[in-house]
Amino acid sequence: MLLPGQDNFDGQFVISTVAKPCPHGWQQRQLGTLFLNLAPTTPVVPVVDADNRSIGLLLGMPIDLDRGVIVDGQYRVDCKLDDVQDLDDFVEKNIYRLAGSFLFVLSALGSRRIYLDANGTLSVVYDPEARVAGATASVLLDAVEYKKRFRAELYKTLDIEDAGWFTAGLTAHEGIERLLCNHYLDLDSWAASRHWPVATIEVSPDPVSTCARICDRISKTIEILARAGSTSVALTAGNDSRLLLACSRYMLANLTFVTVAAPTADLDVACARRLARQFGLRHQVLQYREATEAEADLWRFRAGHCVGGNNVKMHPSVKPLEGRPFVGGLGGEVGRGFLWLNARPDTVIDAKGLVARLKLSRTAEVVSAVDNWLAPLAHFDAFFILDLAYLELRMSTWGFCDSYVKPKQLEIHPMISRANYVDMLSLPPEVRRKGDIYFQAIEALWKEVSEVPINKYGNYRDMLRPAKEAIRHPKRASRKVMQIVGAWRSRTAEKSRT
């Protein structure tokens, strides 16, 4: 394994309970009895109570929708520490009201913890034996230990180089664990604990109004970013991209829409160009540039070798977006029951079936890790368990373990926030299965935009797409079969039990 220079850590950090040597060019911040070593470009915001007493630090780009600002300089909560009765409730009300991309380091009320945002868009890994946490294994281990503790066999088995990932807290290095969203890391016990959800989410009696609230938060987030400076918004042929466009309707003059002309993105480019022509969008097609071997090695290193796939190859294509906010569409699948295939509320969810739904190899270690994750959730129905699995075992681990690979790009996904996720999860099951609630919202926001076909060319090329995709991505097609077979087996096993 070739490792790039150990100084390629912009945007990363190390958190410990004892002072660690601070690399050249980094800054060290003390937070009570915690020490944070911060690499260049790592943004930090102090959090204080109503009496100006220190509570902790926010890292990243938190956005306060109620106040209409990107949180910068200082974040003051409205209550006093002396009035806090329930620490988890305090954090939920005062930290998870924020949108954007952030993590929260708490040092107050006798507790020292790390919390992720609603989907862990800034990831954290930790070594419980060494009692140290950080952005990736790359900043926790020196070059010798990084190679020595690398799990080459599991890396290969999970097919990380293609599109696999380490789930349920596993990482590419022995002894290094990943913190999952909806869990905090206790920096005294060095154990992770679930803090959300505390109960099943009630079904919304008015899905249309619920979806309108989601769209309003998306619009507010984009508006705040657009006011702050030059902002780019992803534009593809997909559903969530179209929703972003509809939510941006009255901010078009302050936004640039971007599409990467990747070798497999013909449909995205064609649809994006059509939308740009028809609605007068400022549109930029980013020419595809494949990573050199050195660039690909650096990307993998900055991600702690926990994910691979097409992003490794194509990431230089988005270099023109550096230095300005980029708005992406991740998170929308939470409202569509992504893992619900062949499931009912009373379906029994076991670890092997869940691993199959995730399209991962069913190694003993992966199944055991998923089983441990699953055990405390047995009282929830199948739909809610599968929703949490998508959030935590896929998005938090696959989607955001590469949080730090492009440190000069400010990436925000406005569908991701606690409020949006609660609203998405509250949509009635029949609405989520049907999957057209967002399309209805697009129609309501901008009818003409909804009339351009989604995920279609609108001509004969649509008939050829399934065959072309199977040829281009045979492993992906195989994993989809695994997912379908796994869901079928779970359903068959359930019938036999009844």
Protein backbone atom coordinates (compact mmCIF):
# COMPACT_ATOMS: atom_id res chain seq x y z
CA MET A 1 0.00 0.00 0.00
CA LEU A 2 1.46 3.33 -1.10
CA LEU A 3 0.70 6.11 1.38
CA PRO A 4 0.77 9.79 0.40
CA GLY A 5 2.65 12.26 2.58
CA GLN A 6 1.33 12.51 6.13
CA ASP A 7 0.63 16.24 5.75
CA ASN A 8 -2.45 15.81 3.54
CA PHE A 9 -5.00 16.28 6.29
CA ASP A 10 -6.75 19.59 5.57
CA GLY A 11 -10.16 19.68 7.26
CA GLN A 12 -9.38 16.79 9.63
CA PHE A 13 -8.91 16.68 13.41
CA VAL A 14 -7.89 14.59 16.42
CA ILE A 15 -9.77 14.66 19.75
CA SER A 16 -8.29 13.25 22.96
CA THR A 17 -8.47 13.57 26.73
CA VAL A 18 -4.72 14.22 27.02
CA ALA A 19 -2.66 16.64 24.96
CA LYS A 20 -1.18 15.09 21.83
CA PRO A 21 1.71 16.51 19.78
CA CYS A 22 0.29 19.06 17.37
CA PRO A 23 1.62 18.69 13.80
CA HIS A 24 3.24 21.67 12.13
CA GLY A 25 0.64 24.05 10.72
CA TRP A 26 -2.18 22.69 12.89
CA GLN A 27 -3.77 24.49 15.84
CA GLN A 28 -4.57 23.03 19.24
CA ARG A 29 -7.73 24.00 21.10
CA GLN A 30 -8.53 23.03 24.67
CA LEU A 31 -12.16 22.45 25.63
CA GLY A 32 -12.36 21.86 29.35
CA THR A 33 -10.35 18.66 29.80
CA LEU A 34 -10.47 17.79 26.08
CA PHE A 35 -7.80 18.59 23.50
CA LEU A 36 -8.52 19.14 19.82
CA ASN A 37 -5.75 19.18 17.22
CA LEU A 38 -7.17 20.87 14.13
CA ALA A 39 -5.67 20.67 10.65
CA PRO A 40 -5.82 23.74 8.39
CA THR A 41 -9.27 24.71 7.02
CA THR A 42 -11.09 22.91 9.87
CA PRO A 43 -13.86 25.37 10.87
CA VAL A 44 -14.68 25.61 14.59
CA VAL A 45 -17.51 27.46 16.35
CA PRO A 46 -17.65 27.78 20.17
CA VAL A 47 -21.00 26.91 21.74
CA VAL A 48 -22.06 28.80 24.89
CA ASP A 49 -25.17 28.99 27.07
CA ALA A 50 -27.29 32.04 27.86
CA ASP A 51 -24.78 33.05 30.56
CA ASN A 52 -21.87 32.77 28.10
CA ARG A 53 -20.58 29.59 29.77
CA SER A 54 -18.77 27.18 27.46
CA ILE A 55 -20.69 24.08 26.38
CA GLY A 56 -18.62 22.74 23.53
CA LEU A 57 -17.56 23.23 19.93
CA LEU A 58 -19.25 22.80 16.56
CA LEU A 59 -17.03 21.67 13.68
CA GLY A 60 -18.10 22.11 10.07
CA MET A 61 -20.82 24.33 8.61
CA PRO A 62 -23.94 24.39 10.81
CA ILE A 63 -26.87 26.42 9.44
CA ASP A 64 -29.51 28.05 11.62
CA LEU A 65 -32.70 28.16 9.56
CA ASP A 66 -34.68 30.08 12.18
CA ARG A 67 -32.12 32.87 12.28
CA GLY A 68 -31.36 32.61 8.57
CA VAL A 69 -27.57 32.37 8.94
CA ILE A 70 -24.58 30.10 8.59
CA VAL A 71 -23.42 29.70 12.20
CA ASP A 72 -20.07 31.45 12.50
CA GLY A 73 -18.07 33.05 15.28
CA GLN A 74 -20.18 31.72 18.17
CA TYR A 75 -23.37 29.74 18.72
CA ARG A 76 -25.38 30.74 21.77
CA VAL A 77 -28.24 28.57 23.04
CA ASP A 78 -31.20 30.21 24.75
CA CYS A 79 -31.10 28.29 28.02
CA LYS A 80 -28.68 28.13 30.96
CA LEU A 81 -26.64 25.06 31.83
CA ASP A 82 -27.97 25.21 35.40
CA ASP A 83 -31.49 24.66 34.03
CA VAL A 84 -30.64 21.51 32.07
CA GLN A 85 -32.50 18.48 33.43
CA ASP A 86 -31.93 15.96 30.61
CA LEU A 87 -28.68 16.18 28.65
CA ASP A 88 -29.90 14.21 25.61
CA ASP A 89 -33.05 16.34 25.43
CA PHE A 90 -30.92 19.50 25.71
CA VAL A 91 -28.70 18.40 22.81
CA GLU A 92 -31.69 17.34 20.73
CA LYS A 93 -33.44 20.69 21.13
CA ASN A 94 -30.43 22.98 20.83
CA ILE A 95 -28.01 21.20 18.49
CA TYR A 96 -30.26 19.09 16.26
CA ARG A 97 -32.39 22.12 15.42
CA LEU A 98 -29.49 23.05 13.11
CA ALA A 99 -29.20 22.12 9.45
CA GLY A 100 -26.00 22.00 7.39
CA SER A 101 -23.03 19.71 7.97
CA PHE A 102 -21.42 19.52 11.41
CA LEU A 103 -20.40 17.54 14.45
CA PHE A 104 -20.68 18.66 18.06
CA VAL A 105 -18.09 18.13 20.78
CA LEU A 106 -19.67 18.49 24.22
CA SER A 107 -17.76 19.27 27.40
CA ALA A 108 -20.22 20.35 30.09
CA LEU A 109 -22.39 19.07 32.93
CA GLY A 110 -19.82 16.41 33.77
CA SER A 111 -20.00 14.83 30.32
CA ARG A 112 -17.56 14.68 27.42
CA ARG A 113 -19.11 13.46 24.17
CA ILE A 114 -19.02 13.66 20.38
CA TYR A 115 -22.31 13.92 18.49
CA LEU A 116 -22.73 13.69 14.72
CA ASP A 117 -25.35 15.59 12.73
CA ALA A 118 -28.58 13.88 11.61
CA ASN A 119 -26.74 11.65 9.12
CA GLY A 120 -23.10 11.90 10.17
CA THR A 121 -22.09 14.02 7.18
CA LEU A 122 -18.79 14.72 8.99
CA SER A 123 -17.62 11.29 10.01
CA VAL A 124 -15.73 10.27 13.15
CA VAL A 125 -13.67 7.16 13.90
CA TYR A 126 -12.03 6.23 17.20
CA ASP A 127 -9.58 3.90 18.85
CA PRO A 128 -11.08 2.95 22.24
CA GLU A 129 -7.86 1.35 23.44
CA ALA A 130 -5.72 4.39 22.64
CA ARG A 131 -8.58 6.67 23.78
CA VAL A 132 -8.42 8.94 20.77
CA ALA A 133 -10.94 9.97 18.11
CA GLY A 134 -10.56 11.74 14.79
CA ALA A 135 -11.79 12.34 11.28
CA THR A 136 -10.22 9.19 9.78
CA ALA A 137 -7.72 6.45 10.59
CA SER A 138 -5.23 8.49 8.59
CA VAL A 139 -4.87 11.03 11.42
CA LEU A 140 -5.01 8.48 14.23
CA LEU A 141 -2.25 6.15 13.01
CA ASP A 142 1.29 6.75 11.88
CA ALA A 143 2.42 5.26 8.56
CA VAL A 144 3.74 2.05 10.14
CA GLU A 145 0.57 1.37 12.15
CA TYR A 146 -1.65 2.35 9.22
CA LYS A 147 -0.11 -0.42 7.10
CA LYS A 148 0.20 -2.91 9.95
CA ARG A 149 -3.44 -2.63 11.05
CA PHE A 150 -4.92 -2.50 7.54
CA ARG A 151 -7.52 -5.25 7.03
CA ALA A 152 -6.59 -6.31 3.52
CA GLU A 153 -8.68 -9.50 3.44
CA LEU A 154 -11.89 -7.83 4.61
CA TYR A 155 -11.18 -4.89 2.30
CA LYS A 156 -11.08 -7.32 -0.63
CA THR A 157 -14.05 -9.40 0.52
CA LEU A 158 -16.27 -6.31 0.81
CA ASP A 159 -15.10 -5.16 -2.63
CA ILE A 160 -14.23 -1.70 -1.37
CA GLU A 161 -12.34 -0.85 -4.56
CA ASP A 162 -15.58 -1.08 -6.53
CA ALA A 163 -18.64 0.01 -4.54
CA GLY A 164 -18.52 -1.81 -1.22
CA TRP A 165 -18.16 -0.29 2.23
CA PHE A 166 -17.54 -1.08 5.90
CA THR A 167 -20.84 -1.07 7.78
CA ALA A 168 -22.04 -1.18 11.40
CA GLY A 169 -18.98 0.52 12.92
CA LEU A 170 -16.37 -1.55 11.07
CA THR A 171 -13.44 0.18 9.36
CA ALA A 172 -10.45 -0.80 7.25
CA HIS A 173 -8.15 -0.91 10.30
CA GLU A 174 -7.98 -3.27 13.23
CA GLY A 175 -9.05 -1.59 16.47
CA ILE A 176 -10.50 1.50 14.76
CA GLU A 177 -14.29 1.87 15.03
CA ARG A 178 -16.69 4.21 13.26
CA LEU A 179 -19.24 6.31 15.13
CA LEU A 180 -22.68 5.92 13.54
CA CYS A 181 -25.18 8.73 13.26
CA ASN A 182 -27.82 8.77 16.03
CA HIS A 183 -25.10 7.62 18.45
CA TYR A 184 -22.75 9.69 20.59
CA LEU A 185 -19.23 8.73 21.64
CA ASP A 186 -18.65 8.98 25.39
CA LEU A 187 -15.10 10.25 25.83
CA ASP A 188 -14.86 8.83 29.35
CA SER A 189 -15.96 5.26 28.69
CA TRP A 190 -14.97 5.39 25.00
CA ALA A 191 -18.17 3.56 24.12
CA ALA A 192 -20.83 4.60 21.62
CA SER A 193 -24.46 4.91 22.79
CA ARG A 194 -27.67 5.45 20.84
CA HIS A 195 -29.42 8.73 21.67
CA TRP A 196 -32.06 8.83 18.89
CA PRO A 197 -34.78 7.79 18.28
CA VAL A 198 -36.31 7.42 21.71
CA ALA A 199 -39.70 6.31 20.33
CA THR A 200 -41.48 5.43 17.10
CA ILE A 201 -42.31 8.46 14.98
CA GLU A 202 -46.02 9.18 14.69
CA VAL A 203 -47.58 8.94 11.24
CA SER A 204 -48.42 12.30 9.74
CA PRO A 205 -52.16 12.90 9.17
CA ASP A 206 -51.35 15.43 6.41
CA PRO A 207 -48.54 14.19 4.11
CA VAL A 208 -48.88 17.14 1.73
CA SER A 209 -48.25 19.68 4.51
CA THR A 210 -45.44 17.53 5.89
CA CYS A 211 -43.71 17.46 2.51
CA ALA A 212 -44.25 21.22 2.14
CA ARG A 213 -42.33 21.74 5.40
CA ILE A 214 -39.44 19.67 4.05
CA CYS A 215 -39.38 21.76 0.87
CA ASP A 216 -39.50 24.99 2.85
CA ARG A 217 -36.42 23.96 4.85
CA ILE A 218 -34.60 22.97 1.65
CA SER A 219 -35.41 26.36 0.10
CA LYS A 220 -34.27 28.24 3.21
CA THR A 221 -30.98 26.33 3.32
CA ILE A 222 -30.23 27.06 -0.33
CA GLU A 223 -31.21 30.70 0.10
CA ILE A 224 -28.86 31.13 3.08
CA LEU A 225 -25.99 29.58 1.12
CA ALA A 226 -26.75 31.67 -1.98
CA ARG A 227 -26.69 34.88 0.08
CA ALA A 228 -23.30 33.93 1.51
CA GLY A 229 -21.63 33.78 -1.93
CA SER A 230 -21.30 31.86 -5.15
CA THR A 231 -23.19 28.57 -4.73
CA SER A 232 -23.51 25.54 -7.03
CA VAL A 233 -26.43 23.11 -7.10
CA ALA A 234 -26.28 19.57 -8.50
CA LEU A 235 -28.44 19.04 -11.58
CA THR A 236 -29.04 15.52 -12.89
CA ALA A 237 -31.96 13.57 -14.34
CA GLY A 238 -33.07 12.29 -10.92
CA ASN A 239 -35.95 12.93 -8.53
CA ASP A 240 -34.02 14.61 -5.75
CA SER A 241 -32.11 16.85 -8.13
CA ARG A 242 -35.43 17.99 -9.59
CA LEU A 243 -36.72 18.76 -6.11
CA LEU A 244 -33.63 20.90 -5.43
CA LEU A 245 -34.32 22.79 -8.65
CA ALA A 246 -37.96 23.35 -7.76
CA CYS A 247 -37.01 24.56 -4.28
CA SER A 248 -34.53 26.99 -5.89
CA ARG A 249 -37.08 28.58 -8.21
CA TYR A 250 -36.86 32.09 -6.79
CA MET A 251 -33.08 32.12 -6.34
CA LEU A 252 -31.95 31.23 -9.86
CA ALA A 253 -30.06 34.50 -10.37
CA ASN A 254 -27.76 33.62 -7.46
CA LEU A 255 -27.10 29.98 -8.31
CA THR A 256 -25.11 27.94 -10.81
CA PHE A 257 -26.31 24.43 -11.63
CA VAL A 258 -23.63 21.83 -12.33
CA THR A 259 -23.49 18.42 -13.99
CA VAL A 260 -20.44 16.18 -14.35
CA ALA A 261 -20.03 14.74 -17.84
CA ALA A 262 -18.90 11.33 -16.54
CA PRO A 263 -18.67 8.43 -19.03
CA THR A 264 -21.91 6.92 -17.66
CA ALA A 265 -23.77 10.23 -17.18
CA ASP A 266 -25.20 10.67 -20.69
CA LEU A 267 -28.76 10.82 -19.36
CA ASP A 268 -27.88 13.30 -16.60
CA VAL A 269 -26.13 15.63 -19.03
CA ALA A 270 -28.91 15.43 -21.63
CA CYS A 271 -31.65 16.10 -19.09
CA ALA A 272 -29.72 18.87 -17.33
CA ARG A 273 -29.06 20.67 -20.61
CA ARG A 274 -32.72 20.43 -21.53
CA LEU A 275 -33.73 21.94 -18.18
CA ALA A 276 -31.13 24.69 -18.49
CA ARG A 277 -32.32 25.66 -21.98
CA GLN A 278 -35.99 25.52 -21.11
CA PHE A 279 -35.80 27.47 -17.86
CA GLY A 280 -32.84 29.77 -18.43
CA LEU A 281 -30.61 28.25 -15.77
CA ARG A 282 -26.99 29.22 -15.38
CA HIS A 283 -25.57 25.78 -16.08
CA GLN A 284 -22.03 24.42 -16.04
CA VAL A 285 -21.11 21.01 -17.44
CA LEU A 286 -17.94 19.87 -15.69
CA GLN A 287 -15.71 17.91 -18.03
CA TYR A 288 -14.76 14.48 -16.80
CA ARG A 289 -11.20 14.11 -15.58
CA GLU A 290 -10.01 10.78 -14.22
CA ALA A 291 -7.74 10.73 -11.20
CA THR A 292 -4.09 9.92 -11.61
CA GLU A 293 -2.72 7.07 -9.54
CA ALA A 294 -1.32 9.56 -7.01
CA GLU A 295 -4.64 11.44 -6.78
CA ALA A 296 -6.54 8.18 -6.30
CA ASP A 297 -4.12 7.07 -3.55
CA LEU A 298 -4.52 10.40 -1.77
CA TRP A 299 -8.33 10.16 -2.00
CA ARG A 300 -8.35 6.65 -0.47
CA PHE A 301 -5.94 7.76 2.24
CA ARG A 302 -8.04 10.79 3.18
CA ALA A 303 -11.04 8.43 3.51
CA GLY A 304 -9.11 5.96 5.65
CA HIS A 305 -9.46 3.37 2.85
CA CYS A 306 -13.09 2.84 3.90
CA VAL A 307 -14.76 3.37 0.51
CA GLY A 308 -13.92 3.29 -3.18
CA GLY A 309 -15.98 3.19 -6.33
CA ASN A 310 -16.43 5.73 -9.09
CA ASN A 311 -15.83 8.73 -6.85
CA VAL A 312 -12.18 7.76 -6.53
CA LYS A 313 -11.76 7.91 -10.30
CA MET A 314 -13.85 10.98 -11.07
CA HIS A 315 -13.23 13.30 -8.12
CA PRO A 316 -10.83 15.64 -10.00
CA SER A 317 -13.81 16.53 -12.23
CA VAL A 318 -15.35 18.60 -9.44
CA LYS A 319 -12.20 20.57 -8.67
CA PRO A 320 -13.72 23.72 -10.28
CA LEU A 321 -16.22 23.78 -7.37
CA GLU A 322 -13.56 24.32 -4.72
CA GLY A 323 -13.96 27.31 -2.45
CA ARG A 324 -17.73 27.67 -2.83
CA PRO A 325 -20.72 25.84 -1.36
CA PHE A 326 -22.02 22.89 -3.35
CA VAL A 327 -25.62 21.78 -2.78
CA GLY A 328 -26.25 18.06 -3.24
CA GLY A 329 -29.35 15.88 -3.09
CA LEU A 330 -28.40 13.10 -0.67
CA GLY A 331 -30.98 12.16 1.94
CA GLY A 332 -34.16 12.09 -0.12
CA GLU A 333 -34.30 8.28 -0.23
CA VAL A 334 -35.11 8.29 3.49
CA GLY A 335 -38.64 9.35 2.53
CA ARG A 336 -39.07 6.51 0.04
CA GLY A 337 -38.43 3.37 2.13
CA PHE A 338 -35.21 2.53 0.30
CA LEU A 339 -34.74 -0.88 1.97
CA TRP A 340 -38.40 -1.89 2.19
CA LEU A 341 -38.40 -4.39 -0.68
CA ASN A 342 -40.90 -7.21 0.06
CA ALA A 343 -41.23 -6.06 3.68
CA ARG A 344 -44.29 -5.50 5.86
CA PRO A 345 -44.43 -3.89 9.31
CA ASP A 346 -44.40 -7.35 10.94
CA THR A 347 -41.59 -8.80 8.82
CA VAL A 348 -38.87 -10.29 11.01
CA ILE A 349 -35.59 -8.52 10.30
CA ASP A 350 -32.47 -10.54 11.08
CA ALA A 351 -28.82 -9.73 10.51
CA LYS A 352 -28.27 -12.04 7.54
CA GLY A 353 -31.32 -10.72 5.72
CA LEU A 354 -30.36 -7.14 6.46
CA VAL A 355 -26.82 -7.66 5.14
CA ALA A 356 -28.36 -9.05 1.95
CA ARG A 357 -30.64 -6.01 1.65
CA LEU A 358 -27.56 -3.83 1.96
CA LYS A 359 -25.96 -5.86 -0.85
CA LEU A 360 -22.89 -6.67 1.24
CA SER A 361 -20.95 -9.91 1.55
CA ARG A 362 -22.30 -12.01 4.41
CA THR A 363 -19.03 -12.62 6.21
CA ALA A 364 -19.28 -13.74 9.83
CA GLU A 365 -17.80 -10.47 11.07
CA VAL A 366 -20.16 -8.28 9.05
CA VAL A 367 -23.21 -10.31 10.12
CA SER A 368 -22.07 -10.17 13.76
CA ALA A 369 -21.59 -6.38 13.61
CA VAL A 370 -25.03 -5.90 12.06
CA ASP A 371 -26.55 -8.27 14.63
CA ASN A 372 -25.07 -6.17 17.46
CA TRP A 373 -26.48 -3.03 15.84
CA LEU A 374 -29.88 -4.70 15.43
CA ALA A 375 -30.30 -6.08 18.96
CA PRO A 376 -31.48 -2.88 20.72
CA LEU A 377 -34.04 -2.16 17.96
CA ALA A 378 -36.14 -5.33 18.25
CA HIS A 379 -39.14 -3.42 19.68
CA PHE A 380 -39.53 -1.32 16.51
CA ASP A 381 -41.48 -2.49 13.47
CA ALA A 382 -39.70 -3.69 10.33
CA PHE A 383 -40.18 -0.47 8.38
CA PHE A 384 -38.58 1.67 11.08
CA ILE A 385 -35.69 -0.76 11.54
CA LEU A 386 -35.04 -0.73 7.78
CA ASP A 387 -35.19 3.08 7.75
CA LEU A 388 -32.62 3.27 10.54
CA ALA A 389 -30.48 0.71 8.72
CA TYR A 390 -30.47 2.88 5.62
CA LEU A 391 -29.54 5.96 7.65
CA GLU A 392 -26.88 4.34 9.82
CA LEU A 393 -25.56 1.24 8.07
CA ARG A 394 -25.46 2.71 4.58
CA MET A 395 -25.61 6.52 4.46
CA SER A 396 -23.60 7.21 7.62
CA THR A 397 -20.96 4.63 6.67
CA TRP A 398 -20.90 4.45 2.86
CA GLY A 399 -22.25 7.89 2.05
CA PHE A 400 -20.10 10.00 4.38
CA CYS A 401 -16.97 8.10 5.35
CA ASP A 402 -15.34 10.14 2.56
CA SER A 403 -16.27 13.44 4.26
CA TYR A 404 -12.71 14.78 4.14
CA VAL A 405 -11.47 13.75 0.69
CA LYS A 406 -12.20 17.17 -0.86
CA PRO A 407 -11.28 19.58 1.96
CA LYS A 408 -11.63 22.71 -0.20
CA GLN A 409 -15.19 21.86 -1.27
CA LEU A 410 -18.04 22.93 1.01
CA GLU A 411 -20.69 20.26 0.47
CA ILE A 412 -24.17 20.65 1.93
CA HIS A 413 -27.18 18.36 1.43
CA PRO A 414 -30.23 20.40 2.51
CA MET A 415 -32.53 17.37 2.71
CA ILE A 416 -30.45 16.19 5.66
CA SER A 417 -31.52 17.52 9.05
CA ARG A 418 -33.26 16.07 12.07
CA ALA A 419 -36.45 17.99 11.30
CA ASN A 420 -36.51 16.82 7.68
CA TYR A 421 -35.80 13.22 8.59
CA VAL A 422 -38.52 13.17 11.24
CA ASP A 423 -40.97 14.52 8.66
CA MET A 424 -39.83 12.02 6.01
CA LEU A 425 -40.16 9.12 8.44
CA SER A 426 -43.62 10.32 9.50
CA LEU A 427 -45.05 9.97 6.00
CA PRO A 428 -47.61 7.14 5.82
CA PRO A 429 -46.17 3.82 4.56
CA GLU A 430 -48.49 3.75 1.54
CA VAL A 431 -47.29 7.23 0.56
CA ARG A 432 -43.66 6.26 0.89
CA ARG A 433 -44.12 3.00 -1.05
CA LYS A 434 -45.82 4.84 -3.88
CA GLY A 435 -42.83 7.18 -3.95
CA ASP A 436 -44.43 10.13 -5.70
CA ILE A 437 -44.81 12.54 -2.76
CA TYR A 438 -41.75 14.53 -3.87
CA PHE A 439 -43.06 14.66 -7.41
CA GLN A 440 -46.29 16.13 -6.11
CA ALA A 441 -44.22 18.72 -4.26
CA ILE A 442 -42.29 19.54 -7.45
CA GLU A 443 -45.58 20.00 -9.28
CA ALA A 444 -46.82 22.36 -6.56
CA LEU A 445 -43.59 24.36 -6.48
CA TRP A 446 -42.92 24.60 -10.23
CA LYS A 447 -45.34 22.76 -12.49
CA GLU A 448 -43.42 23.35 -15.73
CA VAL A 449 -40.29 21.75 -14.25
CA SER A 450 -42.31 18.67 -13.26
CA GLU A 451 -43.40 18.19 -16.88
CA VAL A 452 -39.84 17.37 -18.03
CA PRO A 453 -39.51 13.56 -17.67
CA ILE A 454 -37.47 12.42 -14.67
CA ASN A 455 -34.72 9.84 -15.27
CA LYS A 456 -35.70 9.58 -18.93
CA TYR A 457 -34.46 10.83 -22.27
CA GLY A 458 -37.99 10.90 -23.55
CA ASN A 459 -37.14 8.89 -26.69
CA TYR A 460 -36.02 5.45 -27.91
CA ARG A 461 -32.88 5.55 -25.75
CA ASP A 462 -34.99 4.84 -22.68
CA MET A 463 -35.66 1.32 -23.97
CA LEU A 464 -31.94 0.57 -24.22
CA ARG A 465 -30.93 1.82 -20.76
CA PRO A 466 -31.46 -1.36 -18.64
CA ALA A 467 -29.27 -3.49 -20.90
CA LYS A 468 -26.58 -0.81 -21.08
CA GLU A 469 -26.51 -0.45 -17.29
CA ALA A 470 -26.13 -4.21 -16.76
CA ILE A 471 -23.21 -4.29 -19.23
CA ARG A 472 -21.55 -1.25 -17.67
CA HIS A 473 -22.00 -2.38 -14.06
CA PRO A 474 -22.21 -6.20 -13.84
CA LYS A 475 -21.23 -6.24 -10.16
CA ARG A 476 -23.93 -3.70 -9.32
CA ALA A 477 -26.49 -5.84 -11.16
CA SER A 478 -25.27 -8.88 -9.22
CA ARG A 479 -25.61 -7.03 -5.89
CA LYS A 480 -29.15 -6.02 -6.82
CA VAL A 481 -29.98 -9.68 -7.39
CA MET A 482 -28.47 -10.46 -3.96
CA GLN A 483 -30.70 -7.81 -2.40
CA ILE A 484 -33.85 -9.22 -4.04
CA VAL A 485 -32.97 -12.82 -3.13
CA GLY A 486 -32.18 -11.81 0.45
CA ALA A 487 -35.53 -10.05 0.82
CA TRP A 488 -37.29 -13.08 -0.70
CA ARG A 489 -35.55 -15.45 1.70
CA SER A 490 -36.55 -13.31 4.67
CA ARG A 491 -40.15 -13.35 3.46
CA THR A 492 -40.06 -17.14 2.91
CA ALA A 493 -38.58 -17.73 6.37
CA GLU A 494 -41.26 -15.55 7.90
CA LYS A 495 -44.02 -17.54 6.18
CA SER A 496 -42.55 -20.81 7.43
CA ARG A 497 -42.54 -19.49 11.01
CA THR A 498 -46.20 -18.57 10.76
